[in-house]
Amino acid sequence: MGWTTDVLEGLAQHLAANIDGAAFRPDGPAYTTTEIGIVIGRVPAAPDRVIVLNTYPVRSGALSDITLGLQVRVRGPKTADPRPVQDLTDAVYELLHGANQLTLGPALCALVWRQSWAWLGADDNGREETTSNFYAETAQASAHVTD
């Protein structure tokens, strides 16, 4: 796998190991209705409670030091009560914001912090969503830059 995929899988495993009820099973079986599914890429139709992970570049330079954006989209259960999705968003924040020397797959992150977050409202099925953007100071070596 590529470096970015390995980082995302490392993040998914970290969240699954530290958030009650969360599970990461990229190869199945399907998540149960009682689990918080963790997925990479697209937002799935099920389960209701889900954490969706993606990355994006923030800063890179001539050397291998980079700031990597980690998008964490959270969806809660179908309910008129917005607190469950906010509680899950808070759990992710408490786990990641201010973390230092955090290893995510091949990446040793010197510091991780939440840069921004937004309330997305309810999806077509009445499930509330938020999105958080975390930044990770790390390094990504290449064939030409290995520092």
Protein backbone atom coordinates (compact mmCIF):
# COMPACT_ATOMS: atom_id res chain seq x y z
CA MET A 1 0.00 0.00 0.00
CA GLY A 2 0.96 3.61 -0.36
CA TRP A 3 2.09 5.92 2.42
CA THR A 4 -1.23 7.83 2.57
CA THR A 5 -3.30 4.65 2.76
CA ASP A 6 -1.05 3.38 5.55
CA VAL A 7 -1.49 6.66 7.47
CA LEU A 8 -5.28 6.50 7.10
CA GLU A 9 -5.36 2.88 8.24
CA GLY A 10 -3.16 3.79 11.21
CA LEU A 11 -5.57 6.60 12.12
CA ALA A 12 -8.56 4.26 11.75
CA GLN A 13 -6.92 1.66 14.00
CA HIS A 14 -6.06 4.33 16.59
CA LEU A 15 -9.65 5.57 16.69
CA ALA A 16 -11.08 2.04 16.86
CA ALA A 17 -8.79 1.13 19.75
CA ASN A 18 -9.67 4.23 21.77
CA ILE A 19 -13.32 5.10 21.12
CA ASP A 20 -15.93 2.89 22.76
CA GLY A 21 -18.05 1.05 20.22
CA ALA A 22 -15.86 1.99 17.24
CA ALA A 23 -14.65 -0.67 14.80
CA PHE A 24 -12.43 -0.67 11.71
CA ARG A 25 -12.83 -3.65 9.39
CA PRO A 26 -11.80 -2.65 5.87
CA ASP A 27 -12.34 -6.17 4.54
CA GLY A 28 -15.62 -6.96 6.33
CA PRO A 29 -17.79 -8.26 7.76
CA ALA A 30 -20.31 -5.41 7.63
CA TYR A 31 -20.64 -3.19 10.68
CA THR A 32 -23.52 -3.95 13.03
CA THR A 33 -26.16 -1.39 13.97
CA THR A 34 -24.61 -1.03 17.42
CA GLU A 35 -21.11 -0.23 16.13
CA ILE A 36 -19.52 3.01 15.06
CA GLY A 37 -18.05 2.06 11.70
CA ILE A 38 -14.77 3.63 10.65
CA VAL A 39 -14.23 3.87 6.90
CA ILE A 40 -11.78 5.49 4.52
CA GLY A 41 -12.99 7.52 1.56
CA ARG A 42 -16.70 7.79 0.82
CA VAL A 43 -19.56 8.11 3.27
CA PRO A 44 -21.41 4.78 3.33
CA ALA A 45 -25.18 4.31 3.57
CA ALA A 46 -24.75 2.16 6.68
CA PRO A 47 -24.17 1.98 9.57
CA ASP A 48 -25.87 5.09 10.90
CA ARG A 49 -23.00 5.98 13.23
CA VAL A 50 -19.85 6.31 11.19
CA ILE A 51 -16.46 8.04 11.12
CA VAL A 52 -15.16 8.72 7.61
CA LEU A 53 -11.46 9.49 7.12
CA ASN A 54 -9.64 11.29 4.31
CA THR A 55 -6.40 13.22 3.89
CA TYR A 56 -5.39 16.29 1.94
CA PRO A 57 -2.13 18.20 1.53
CA VAL A 58 -1.68 21.38 3.56
CA ARG A 59 2.03 22.17 3.27
CA SER A 60 5.05 20.53 1.79
CA GLY A 61 8.46 21.91 1.01
CA ALA A 62 11.75 20.92 -0.51
CA LEU A 63 12.40 18.48 2.34
CA SER A 64 10.24 15.65 3.66
CA ASP A 65 8.59 17.69 6.44
CA ILE A 66 4.89 18.17 5.68
CA THR A 67 1.65 19.25 7.26
CA LEU A 68 -0.95 16.64 6.44
CA GLY A 69 -4.65 17.43 6.65
CA LEU A 70 -6.80 14.73 8.23
CA GLN A 71 -10.51 15.12 7.55
CA VAL A 72 -12.70 13.34 10.10
CA ARG A 73 -16.38 13.33 9.15
CA VAL A 74 -18.73 12.04 11.84
CA ARG A 75 -22.34 10.92 11.44
CA GLY A 76 -24.65 10.12 14.31
CA PRO A 77 -27.77 7.99 14.60
CA LYS A 78 -31.12 8.95 13.15
CA THR A 79 -32.58 11.16 15.87
CA ALA A 80 -33.77 14.73 16.38
CA ASP A 81 -31.24 14.99 19.23
CA PRO A 82 -27.92 16.45 17.99
CA ARG A 83 -26.00 15.42 21.11
CA PRO A 84 -24.90 11.92 19.99
CA VAL A 85 -23.02 13.24 16.95
CA GLN A 86 -21.49 16.03 19.02
CA ASP A 87 -20.43 13.53 21.70
CA LEU A 88 -18.68 11.41 19.06
CA THR A 89 -17.06 14.50 17.53
CA ASP A 90 -15.82 15.44 21.02
CA ALA A 91 -14.41 11.94 21.55
CA VAL A 92 -12.35 12.24 18.35
CA TYR A 93 -11.19 15.73 19.39
CA GLU A 94 -10.15 14.57 22.85
CA LEU A 95 -8.18 11.69 21.36
CA LEU A 96 -6.35 13.65 18.65
CA HIS A 97 -6.10 17.35 19.56
CA GLY A 98 -2.70 18.08 21.05
CA ALA A 99 -1.39 14.54 20.54
CA ASN A 100 2.35 14.50 20.06
CA GLN A 101 4.69 11.77 18.94
CA LEU A 102 1.64 9.88 17.65
CA THR A 103 2.41 7.09 15.21
CA LEU A 104 -0.15 6.61 12.45
CA GLY A 105 1.02 3.79 10.20
CA PRO A 106 4.44 4.85 8.87
CA ALA A 107 4.06 8.46 10.03
CA LEU A 108 5.40 9.74 13.31
CA CYS A 109 3.35 12.87 13.92
CA ALA A 110 5.21 15.43 16.00
CA LEU A 111 1.95 17.22 16.73
CA VAL A 112 -1.72 16.82 15.77
CA TRP A 113 -4.31 19.54 16.30
CA ARG A 114 -7.82 20.38 15.19
CA GLN A 115 -7.63 23.32 12.82
CA SER A 116 -11.36 23.68 12.21
CA TRP A 117 -14.71 21.95 12.42
CA ALA A 118 -18.19 22.49 11.06
CA TRP A 119 -21.72 21.30 11.67
CA LEU A 120 -23.02 19.81 8.41
CA GLY A 121 -26.61 19.32 9.53
CA ALA A 122 -28.70 16.25 8.83
CA ASP A 123 -28.33 14.00 5.80
CA ASP A 124 -31.33 12.82 3.74
CA ASN A 125 -32.04 10.16 6.40
CA GLY A 126 -32.08 12.57 9.35
CA ARG A 127 -28.63 11.66 10.68
CA GLU A 128 -26.66 14.68 11.95
CA GLU A 129 -23.10 15.16 10.66
CA THR A 130 -20.01 17.15 11.55
CA THR A 131 -16.62 17.46 9.92
CA SER A 132 -13.30 18.23 11.61
CA ASN A 133 -10.02 19.13 9.98
CA PHE A 134 -6.96 18.06 11.92
CA TYR A 135 -3.43 18.98 10.92
CA ALA A 136 -0.51 16.60 11.52
CA GLU A 137 3.11 17.72 11.44
CA THR A 138 4.97 14.74 10.03
CA ALA A 139 7.39 13.67 7.31
CA GLN A 140 6.92 11.83 4.05
CA ALA A 141 10.12 10.66 2.47
CA SER A 142 10.46 10.08 -1.26
CA ALA A 143 12.99 8.46 -3.54
CA HIS A 144 14.73 11.84 -3.78
CA VAL A 145 14.29 13.22 -0.25
CA THR A 146 14.92 10.96 2.70
CA ASP A 147 15.75 13.39 5.54
